[in-house]
Amino acid sequence: MASLLDLGADLPAVRQAVESVGCTLDVSRQERGHIAATRASVVSDRRFHSLEEAKTILQGSSLSEKARQDALKALDILAAAEGRVHGAAKEQVHFHEVGALDALADIAGCSAARHSLSVQRIVCRTVSVGGGYVQTAHGLLPVPGPAALEIMRAHKIPWQGGPVEQELLTPTGGALLAALVDDFVPSFPSIRTERVGYGAGSRELEVPNVLRAVLADLLPEDPLASASPLFAAIASAPPDGAPVNHPAVAGSRHHHGDRVVQLESNVDDVTGEVLGYLLERLMLAGALDASVLPALMKKGRAGYVIRVIARQEQAEALTDILMEETGSLGVRIFPSIHRLIAERQEISLQVEIDGRTFDARAKASRRGERLISLKPEYEDCKRIAEQTGLPLRSVMKKVEEAAGRGSEI
């Protein structure tokens, strides 16, 4: 969270996210190893004890819909890892070290920071987890701790020991990596740096205890760009404490494509309620898009084609969800599909309705300098419609008009 704030994330939005889950945020400038960095400290004296309780807190937070989905995903990853370590279902997990409310605030704040940067892609280098032992509620445990190690195993996160005999990767940090990072790379690709942010860890170590985040453009001559000619990316990072000689992130905002996989399955004996729930689960689990298309099946039966767009590393987990919820006996996987992506920008604006001023957001899509579409944020328009009593479509039109004026800036 601190490194993203130093990179230029929206501090008021991050502070609001942290406060909306019951904590306070203290942001200051500090030095670690003679490097000036941002320190973000979350203060709380409360705890949560179950996955359901934590979900309820996040559902009632100030996060945007996409940021809330990422936060819930990180929480689910955390609970699943704790459950596997303790041999229990995630719903029955009792949180210990991660149960303080500040861990939930870290998740909410990081999700808010990531989405306030309006970036398209996040990449991360191999994670340095530290070494030695750490004192926990279960006694002295080796680094990485069992839950952090389980998260890295389940989500195929590359890691290495060192460079200090301290814990550098917490379970919360691992869950945020799994939820927010699009790709893990052994070294930086060819990039042109725009901004650099440093987040300060809590301790002084033998190496500068900072997390480095880099906002950059991916150069087209890089091998990654040739594999994905219109590759789009940007930065987030390993958890609190990653040393500066293991840079966290890099990416680009100005190229317009990437590579994805497509999952498909035909069903003819599934209800609409099950399909609706399936789409919710798929999106929460990290699908980029999910849809259900009506189809005429063999012998004239009415059925559906379920289609999911996902990252390569998510295909197996999403396939399991699809088969589990529908009872489908098979899923077709179309690998390495090239996807063109318009440049996207989130516009924050104010709209005046009946003498009252409301905050709202809209998403602008562009190809080069040409504006393709302007779409008001549904949740903001819904909130304004409920507060004013106006029809939703009237509110959306007013927000779109205000955004149209702002998008010219």
Protein backbone atom coordinates (compact mmCIF):
# COMPACT_ATOMS: atom_id res chain seq x y z
CA MET A 1 0.00 0.00 0.00
CA ALA A 2 2.77 2.46 0.90
CA SER A 3 4.71 1.86 -2.33
CA LEU A 4 1.57 2.42 -4.42
CA LEU A 5 0.79 5.62 -2.50
CA ASP A 6 4.35 6.79 -3.17
CA LEU A 7 3.80 5.88 -6.82
CA GLY A 8 0.80 8.23 -7.00
CA ALA A 9 -2.24 6.27 -5.79
CA ASP A 10 -5.18 8.33 -4.55
CA LEU A 11 -4.53 8.90 -0.82
CA PRO A 12 -8.08 10.11 0.06
CA ALA A 13 -9.58 7.01 -1.61
CA VAL A 14 -7.13 4.70 0.17
CA ARG A 15 -7.71 6.41 3.52
CA GLN A 16 -11.48 6.14 3.03
CA ALA A 17 -11.15 2.42 2.23
CA VAL A 18 -9.10 1.80 5.38
CA GLU A 19 -11.48 3.81 7.57
CA SER A 20 -14.53 2.10 6.09
CA VAL A 21 -13.38 -1.25 7.54
CA GLY A 22 -12.92 0.27 11.00
CA CYS A 23 -9.25 1.33 11.06
CA THR A 24 -7.23 4.53 10.80
CA LEU A 25 -4.33 5.21 8.43
CA ASP A 26 -1.19 7.13 9.34
CA VAL A 27 0.98 8.13 6.36
CA SER A 28 4.44 9.64 6.83
CA ARG A 29 7.80 10.04 5.12
CA GLN A 30 10.65 7.96 6.52
CA GLU A 31 14.09 6.70 5.49
CA ARG A 32 15.23 3.10 5.19
CA GLY A 33 18.89 2.58 4.27
CA HIS A 34 19.15 6.27 3.25
CA ILE A 35 16.23 5.86 0.80
CA ALA A 36 13.29 8.23 1.32
CA ALA A 37 10.04 6.27 1.33
CA THR A 38 6.38 6.45 2.30
CA ARG A 39 5.35 4.66 5.46
CA ALA A 40 1.68 3.62 5.77
CA SER A 41 0.68 2.42 9.24
CA VAL A 42 -2.77 1.00 9.95
CA VAL A 43 -4.09 1.34 13.50
CA SER A 44 -6.83 -0.90 14.93
CA ASP A 45 -7.71 -2.53 18.25
CA ARG A 46 -10.41 -4.84 16.86
CA ARG A 47 -10.32 -8.32 15.33
CA PHE A 48 -12.35 -10.49 13.00
CA HIS A 49 -12.65 -14.20 13.65
CA SER A 50 -14.25 -15.82 10.62
CA LEU A 51 -14.35 -15.57 6.83
CA GLU A 52 -18.03 -14.62 6.89
CA GLU A 53 -17.42 -11.80 9.35
CA ALA A 54 -14.53 -10.44 7.26
CA LYS A 55 -16.60 -10.65 4.05
CA THR A 56 -19.39 -8.67 5.67
CA ILE A 57 -16.95 -5.93 6.65
CA LEU A 58 -15.55 -5.70 3.10
CA GLN A 59 -19.01 -5.76 1.53
CA GLY A 60 -19.90 -2.69 3.57
CA SER A 61 -16.70 -0.82 2.72
CA SER A 62 -16.26 2.21 0.45
CA LEU A 63 -14.40 0.20 -2.22
CA SER A 64 -15.44 0.40 -5.85
CA GLU A 65 -16.94 -2.78 -7.27
CA LYS A 66 -13.71 -3.94 -8.96
CA ALA A 67 -11.58 -3.09 -5.94
CA ARG A 68 -14.06 -4.91 -3.69
CA GLN A 69 -13.85 -8.00 -5.93
CA ASP A 70 -10.05 -7.98 -5.65
CA ALA A 71 -10.24 -7.52 -1.87
CA LEU A 72 -12.72 -10.39 -1.49
CA LYS A 73 -10.52 -12.53 -3.73
CA ALA A 74 -7.46 -11.84 -1.55
CA LEU A 75 -9.48 -12.64 1.57
CA ASP A 76 -10.72 -15.91 0.06
CA ILE A 77 -7.15 -16.89 -0.90
CA LEU A 78 -6.01 -16.14 2.64
CA ALA A 79 -8.81 -18.20 4.22
CA ALA A 80 -8.26 -21.13 1.84
CA ALA A 81 -4.55 -21.25 2.72
CA GLU A 82 -5.21 -21.08 6.47
CA GLY A 83 -7.82 -23.82 6.06
CA ARG A 84 -5.48 -26.12 4.18
CA VAL A 85 -2.72 -25.61 6.75
CA HIS A 86 -5.05 -26.39 9.66
CA GLY A 87 -6.99 -29.16 7.89
CA ALA A 88 -10.31 -27.31 7.96
CA ALA A 89 -12.75 -25.82 5.48
CA LYS A 90 -12.07 -22.14 4.86
CA GLU A 91 -15.49 -21.25 6.32
CA GLN A 92 -14.43 -22.84 9.64
CA VAL A 93 -11.01 -21.18 9.85
CA HIS A 94 -10.33 -19.16 13.00
CA PHE A 95 -7.87 -16.41 12.14
CA HIS A 96 -4.94 -15.84 14.47
CA GLU A 97 -2.07 -13.61 13.28
CA VAL A 98 -4.10 -12.35 10.30
CA GLY A 99 -7.26 -11.86 12.37
CA ALA A 100 -6.47 -8.31 13.48
CA LEU A 101 -8.64 -5.84 11.61
CA ASP A 102 -5.52 -4.08 10.28
CA ALA A 103 -4.90 -7.07 7.98
CA LEU A 104 -8.32 -6.47 6.42
CA ALA A 105 -7.47 -2.78 6.15
CA ASP A 106 -4.24 -3.69 4.33
CA ILE A 107 -6.27 -5.71 1.84
CA ALA A 108 -8.85 -2.93 1.36
CA GLY A 109 -6.21 -0.19 1.13
CA CYS A 110 -4.05 -2.06 -1.38
CA SER A 111 -7.07 -2.86 -3.56
CA ALA A 112 -8.18 0.78 -3.50
CA ALA A 113 -4.63 1.99 -4.30
CA ARG A 114 -4.23 -0.43 -7.21
CA HIS A 115 -7.50 0.62 -8.87
CA SER A 116 -6.94 4.35 -8.31
CA LEU A 117 -3.85 4.11 -10.53
CA SER A 118 -6.01 3.18 -13.57
CA VAL A 119 -3.42 0.73 -14.89
CA GLN A 120 -3.92 -2.25 -17.15
CA ARG A 121 -1.43 -4.86 -16.01
CA ILE A 122 0.70 -5.80 -13.01
CA VAL A 123 3.91 -7.82 -13.16
CA CYS A 124 6.20 -8.85 -10.32
CA ARG A 125 9.68 -10.35 -10.00
CA THR A 126 10.53 -13.45 -7.98
CA VAL A 127 9.52 -12.83 -4.37
CA SER A 128 12.24 -12.72 -1.70
CA VAL A 129 10.65 -14.21 1.42
CA GLY A 130 13.50 -13.81 3.94
CA GLY A 131 14.67 -16.62 6.18
CA GLY A 132 15.12 -17.91 9.73
CA TYR A 133 12.15 -18.39 12.05
CA VAL A 134 9.14 -16.36 13.13
CA GLN A 135 7.24 -16.47 16.43
CA THR A 136 3.49 -17.17 15.93
CA ALA A 137 0.43 -18.17 17.94
CA HIS A 138 1.40 -21.77 17.04
CA GLY A 139 4.98 -21.42 18.25
CA LEU A 140 8.24 -20.87 16.38
CA LEU A 141 7.82 -21.58 12.65
CA PRO A 142 10.27 -21.51 9.72
CA VAL A 143 10.15 -18.74 7.13
CA PRO A 144 8.18 -18.69 4.91
CA GLY A 145 5.32 -19.47 7.30
CA PRO A 146 2.95 -22.35 6.41
CA ALA A 147 0.09 -20.15 5.18
CA ALA A 148 2.37 -17.94 3.06
CA LEU A 149 4.01 -21.03 1.57
CA GLU A 150 0.62 -22.59 0.80
CA ILE A 151 -0.48 -19.44 -1.04
CA MET A 152 2.69 -19.49 -3.17
CA ARG A 153 2.17 -23.19 -3.91
CA ALA A 154 -1.51 -22.86 -4.80
CA HIS A 155 -0.99 -19.82 -7.04
CA LYS A 156 2.38 -20.81 -8.53
CA ILE A 157 4.19 -17.73 -7.22
CA PRO A 158 7.98 -18.02 -7.74
CA TRP A 159 10.02 -17.29 -4.62
CA GLN A 160 13.48 -17.44 -3.12
CA GLY A 161 15.02 -17.22 0.35
CA GLY A 162 16.93 -14.23 1.72
CA PRO A 163 18.49 -11.80 1.60
CA VAL A 164 17.97 -11.42 5.39
CA GLU A 165 17.07 -13.75 8.27
CA GLN A 166 13.68 -12.12 8.83
CA GLU A 167 10.12 -12.77 7.64
CA LEU A 168 9.57 -10.67 4.49
CA LEU A 169 6.42 -12.35 3.19
CA THR A 170 3.33 -12.48 5.42
CA PRO A 171 0.21 -14.48 4.52
CA THR A 172 -1.65 -11.21 3.88
CA GLY A 173 1.12 -10.04 1.53
CA GLY A 174 1.07 -13.38 -0.27
CA ALA A 175 -2.71 -13.20 -0.70
CA LEU A 176 -2.45 -9.70 -2.18
CA LEU A 177 0.22 -10.89 -4.63
CA ALA A 178 -1.98 -13.79 -5.72
CA ALA A 179 -5.02 -11.55 -6.13
CA LEU A 180 -3.47 -8.49 -7.81
CA VAL A 181 -0.47 -9.61 -9.89
CA ASP A 182 -1.09 -10.66 -13.51
CA ASP A 183 2.33 -12.17 -14.26
CA PHE A 184 5.51 -13.13 -12.39
CA VAL A 185 8.72 -12.62 -14.37
CA PRO A 186 12.36 -13.63 -13.61
CA SER A 187 13.66 -10.20 -14.63
CA PHE A 188 12.38 -6.86 -15.81
CA PRO A 189 11.46 -6.64 -19.50
CA SER A 190 12.57 -3.62 -21.55
CA ILE A 191 10.65 -0.69 -20.11
CA ARG A 192 10.63 3.10 -20.06
CA THR A 193 10.12 4.29 -16.47
CA GLU A 194 7.50 6.94 -15.75
CA ARG A 195 7.42 7.00 -11.94
CA VAL A 196 9.01 5.13 -9.01
CA GLY A 197 7.52 4.62 -5.56
CA TYR A 198 9.12 3.32 -2.35
CA GLY A 199 7.18 1.91 0.58
CA ALA A 200 8.96 1.72 3.95
CA GLY A 201 8.83 -1.48 6.03
CA SER A 202 8.51 -1.35 9.81
CA ARG A 203 12.06 -2.51 10.65
CA GLU A 204 15.61 -1.51 9.82
CA LEU A 205 17.37 -4.42 8.08
CA GLU A 206 20.82 -5.14 6.67
CA VAL A 207 19.44 -4.06 3.29
CA PRO A 208 17.11 -1.10 2.64
CA ASN A 209 13.73 -2.35 3.92
CA VAL A 210 11.66 -0.79 1.16
CA LEU A 211 9.28 -2.09 -1.46
CA ARG A 212 9.87 -0.56 -4.89
CA ALA A 213 7.03 -0.06 -7.36
CA VAL A 214 7.67 1.13 -10.91
CA LEU A 215 5.14 2.69 -13.28
CA ALA A 216 6.45 2.20 -16.81
CA ASP A 217 5.73 1.66 -20.48
CA LEU A 218 6.69 -1.68 -22.01
CA LEU A 219 8.89 -1.15 -25.06
CA PRO A 220 7.60 -2.89 -28.21
CA GLU A 221 10.95 -4.47 -29.08
CA ASP A 222 10.89 -6.52 -25.85
CA PRO A 223 10.31 -10.30 -26.30
CA LEU A 224 7.16 -10.02 -24.18
CA ALA A 225 5.86 -7.46 -26.62
CA SER A 226 6.56 -9.74 -29.59
CA ALA A 227 4.64 -12.55 -27.88
CA SER A 228 1.85 -10.04 -27.20
CA PRO A 229 2.38 -7.28 -29.76
CA LEU A 230 -0.07 -4.94 -28.03
CA PHE A 231 0.78 -5.97 -24.46
CA ALA A 232 -0.68 -3.76 -21.68
CA ALA A 233 0.74 -3.69 -18.18
CA ILE A 234 1.55 -1.91 -14.91
CA ALA A 235 2.92 -2.37 -11.46
CA SER A 236 2.16 -3.70 -8.03
CA ALA A 237 4.54 -5.44 -5.69
CA PRO A 238 5.71 -8.08 -3.22
CA PRO A 239 4.65 -7.66 0.39
CA ASP A 240 5.90 -5.28 3.06
CA GLY A 241 9.65 -5.65 3.52
CA ALA A 242 10.90 -6.65 0.04
CA PRO A 243 14.43 -5.25 -0.32
CA VAL A 244 15.29 -2.69 -2.93
CA ASN A 245 17.64 -4.99 -4.84
CA HIS A 246 14.61 -7.13 -5.72
CA PRO A 247 12.47 -4.60 -7.60
CA ALA A 248 8.82 -5.30 -7.39
CA VAL A 249 7.07 -4.33 -10.52
CA ALA A 250 6.97 -2.89 -13.98
CA GLY A 251 4.51 -2.44 -16.80
CA SER A 252 2.89 -0.35 -19.48
CA ARG A 253 -0.28 1.57 -20.16
CA HIS A 254 0.05 2.51 -23.82
CA HIS A 255 0.00 -0.79 -25.70
CA HIS A 256 -3.33 -2.36 -26.42
CA GLY A 257 -3.41 -6.12 -26.17
CA ASP A 258 -2.52 -9.26 -24.29
CA ARG A 259 -2.95 -13.03 -24.49
CA VAL A 260 -5.66 -14.96 -22.68
CA VAL A 261 -7.29 -18.39 -22.66
CA GLN A 262 -10.95 -19.08 -23.40
CA LEU A 263 -12.92 -21.78 -21.58
CA GLU A 264 -16.17 -23.15 -23.01
CA SER A 265 -18.70 -25.74 -21.97
CA ASN A 266 -22.20 -26.69 -23.20
CA VAL A 267 -24.96 -27.47 -20.68
CA ASP A 268 -28.65 -28.27 -21.09
CA ASP A 269 -29.80 -29.22 -17.58
CA VAL A 270 -28.82 -26.22 -15.46
CA THR A 271 -31.22 -23.61 -14.06
CA GLY A 272 -30.89 -19.87 -14.48
CA GLU A 273 -30.25 -19.47 -10.75
CA VAL A 274 -27.28 -21.85 -10.93
CA LEU A 275 -25.90 -20.06 -14.00
CA GLY A 276 -26.19 -16.68 -12.28
CA TYR A 277 -24.36 -17.99 -9.21
CA LEU A 278 -21.72 -19.59 -11.45
CA LEU A 279 -20.98 -16.24 -13.14
CA GLU A 280 -20.56 -14.58 -9.74
CA ARG A 281 -18.13 -17.29 -8.58
CA LEU A 282 -16.11 -17.16 -11.79
CA MET A 283 -15.68 -13.37 -11.63
CA LEU A 284 -14.82 -13.45 -7.93
CA ALA A 285 -12.21 -16.15 -8.64
CA GLY A 286 -10.44 -13.90 -11.15
CA ALA A 287 -12.09 -14.46 -14.55
CA LEU A 288 -11.61 -11.49 -16.87
CA ASP A 289 -15.07 -12.05 -18.33
CA ALA A 290 -17.80 -14.68 -18.17
CA SER A 291 -20.99 -15.03 -20.19
CA VAL A 292 -23.81 -17.47 -20.93
CA LEU A 293 -25.16 -17.78 -24.49
CA PRO A 294 -28.43 -19.53 -25.46
CA ALA A 295 -27.93 -22.48 -27.85
CA LEU A 296 -29.87 -25.22 -29.60
CA MET A 297 -28.32 -28.53 -28.58
CA LYS A 298 -28.53 -32.00 -30.13
CA LYS A 299 -32.01 -33.54 -30.45
CA GLY A 300 -33.44 -30.03 -30.44
CA ARG A 301 -32.89 -29.44 -26.73
CA ALA A 302 -32.52 -25.85 -25.47
CA GLY A 303 -29.22 -25.26 -23.72
CA TYR A 304 -26.43 -22.79 -22.99
CA VAL A 305 -22.81 -22.19 -23.94
CA ILE A 306 -20.79 -20.97 -20.96
CA ARG A 307 -17.78 -18.90 -22.04
CA VAL A 308 -14.99 -17.65 -19.77
CA ILE A 309 -12.01 -15.43 -20.59
CA ALA A 310 -9.07 -15.81 -18.19
CA ARG A 311 -5.33 -15.63 -17.66
CA GLN A 312 -3.43 -18.85 -18.39
CA GLU A 313 -2.55 -19.38 -14.73
CA GLN A 314 -6.24 -19.17 -13.71
CA ALA A 315 -7.58 -21.69 -16.24
CA GLU A 316 -7.37 -24.78 -14.01
CA ALA A 317 -9.06 -23.19 -11.00
CA LEU A 318 -11.84 -21.69 -13.12
CA THR A 319 -12.37 -25.00 -14.91
CA ASP A 320 -12.84 -26.69 -11.54
CA ILE A 321 -15.48 -24.11 -10.57
CA LEU A 322 -17.32 -24.50 -13.88
CA MET A 323 -17.46 -28.29 -13.66
CA GLU A 324 -18.31 -28.27 -9.96
CA GLU A 325 -21.26 -25.87 -10.30
CA THR A 326 -22.76 -27.26 -13.53
CA GLY A 327 -21.84 -30.95 -13.41
CA SER A 328 -20.34 -30.59 -16.90
CA LEU A 329 -18.23 -33.55 -17.98
CA GLY A 330 -15.80 -31.49 -20.05
CA VAL A 331 -14.50 -27.99 -20.70
CA ARG A 332 -12.92 -26.84 -23.96
CA ILE A 333 -9.78 -24.71 -23.52
CA PHE A 334 -8.60 -22.43 -26.34
CA PRO A 335 -5.02 -21.43 -25.42
CA SER A 336 -3.14 -18.21 -26.15
CA ILE A 337 -5.85 -16.09 -27.76
CA HIS A 338 -4.74 -12.59 -28.64
CA ARG A 339 -7.04 -9.89 -27.23
CA LEU A 340 -7.01 -6.23 -28.32
CA ILE A 341 -7.59 -3.81 -25.45
CA ALA A 342 -8.57 -0.16 -25.64
CA GLU A 343 -6.77 2.27 -23.35
CA ARG A 344 -8.97 2.78 -20.32
CA GLN A 345 -9.10 5.75 -17.96
CA GLU A 346 -11.26 6.25 -14.87
CA ILE A 347 -12.61 9.80 -14.62
CA SER A 348 -13.62 11.21 -11.21
CA LEU A 349 -16.17 13.98 -11.51
CA GLN A 350 -18.97 15.87 -9.80
CA VAL A 351 -22.49 16.09 -11.18
CA GLU A 352 -25.15 18.57 -10.08
CA ILE A 353 -28.73 17.32 -9.80
CA ASP A 354 -31.59 19.43 -8.41
CA GLY A 355 -29.15 21.81 -6.71
CA ARG A 356 -27.16 19.02 -5.03
CA THR A 357 -23.63 17.94 -5.96
CA PHE A 358 -22.69 14.25 -6.13
CA ASP A 359 -19.36 12.49 -6.65
CA ALA A 360 -19.31 9.95 -9.48
CA ARG A 361 -16.93 8.10 -11.78
CA ALA A 362 -16.94 7.10 -15.43
CA LYS A 363 -14.70 4.96 -17.62
CA ALA A 364 -13.33 6.39 -20.86
CA SER A 365 -12.00 4.02 -23.55
CA ARG A 366 -9.65 5.23 -26.28
CA ARG A 367 -7.70 3.96 -29.27
CA GLY A 368 -4.82 6.36 -29.56
CA GLU A 369 -6.29 9.86 -29.38
CA ARG A 370 -9.78 8.74 -30.43
CA LEU A 371 -12.47 8.41 -27.75
CA ILE A 372 -14.39 5.14 -28.30
CA SER A 373 -16.82 5.04 -25.39
CA LEU A 374 -17.74 6.76 -22.15
CA LYS A 375 -19.50 4.65 -19.54
CA PRO A 376 -20.75 5.91 -16.15
CA GLU A 377 -19.91 3.71 -13.14
CA TYR A 378 -23.08 1.75 -12.36
CA GLU A 379 -22.66 1.65 -8.55
CA ASP A 380 -22.20 5.44 -8.38
CA CYS A 381 -25.25 6.08 -10.58
CA LYS A 382 -27.32 3.61 -8.55
CA ARG A 383 -26.36 5.41 -5.32
CA ILE A 384 -27.29 8.82 -6.78
CA ALA A 385 -30.60 7.47 -8.14
CA GLU A 386 -31.50 6.10 -4.70
CA GLN A 387 -30.63 9.40 -3.02
CA THR A 388 -32.50 11.61 -5.51
CA GLY A 389 -35.42 9.39 -6.49
CA LEU A 390 -34.62 9.93 -10.18
CA PRO A 391 -34.71 7.04 -12.69
CA LEU A 392 -31.35 5.32 -13.06
CA ARG A 393 -31.19 6.04 -16.80
CA SER A 394 -31.65 9.78 -16.15
CA VAL A 395 -28.80 9.79 -13.64
CA MET A 396 -26.55 7.82 -16.02
CA LYS A 397 -27.24 10.34 -18.79
CA LYS A 398 -26.30 13.29 -16.55
CA VAL A 399 -23.09 11.56 -15.39
CA GLU A 400 -22.22 10.71 -18.99
CA GLU A 401 -22.69 14.34 -20.02
CA ALA A 402 -20.49 15.55 -17.16
CA ALA A 403 -17.87 12.91 -17.98
CA GLY A 404 -17.91 13.95 -21.63
CA ARG A 405 -16.89 17.43 -20.62
CA GLY A 406 -14.20 16.10 -18.25
CA SER A 407 -12.77 13.61 -20.77
CA GLU A 408 -11.61 16.44 -22.99
CA ILE A 409 -9.14 17.55 -20.31
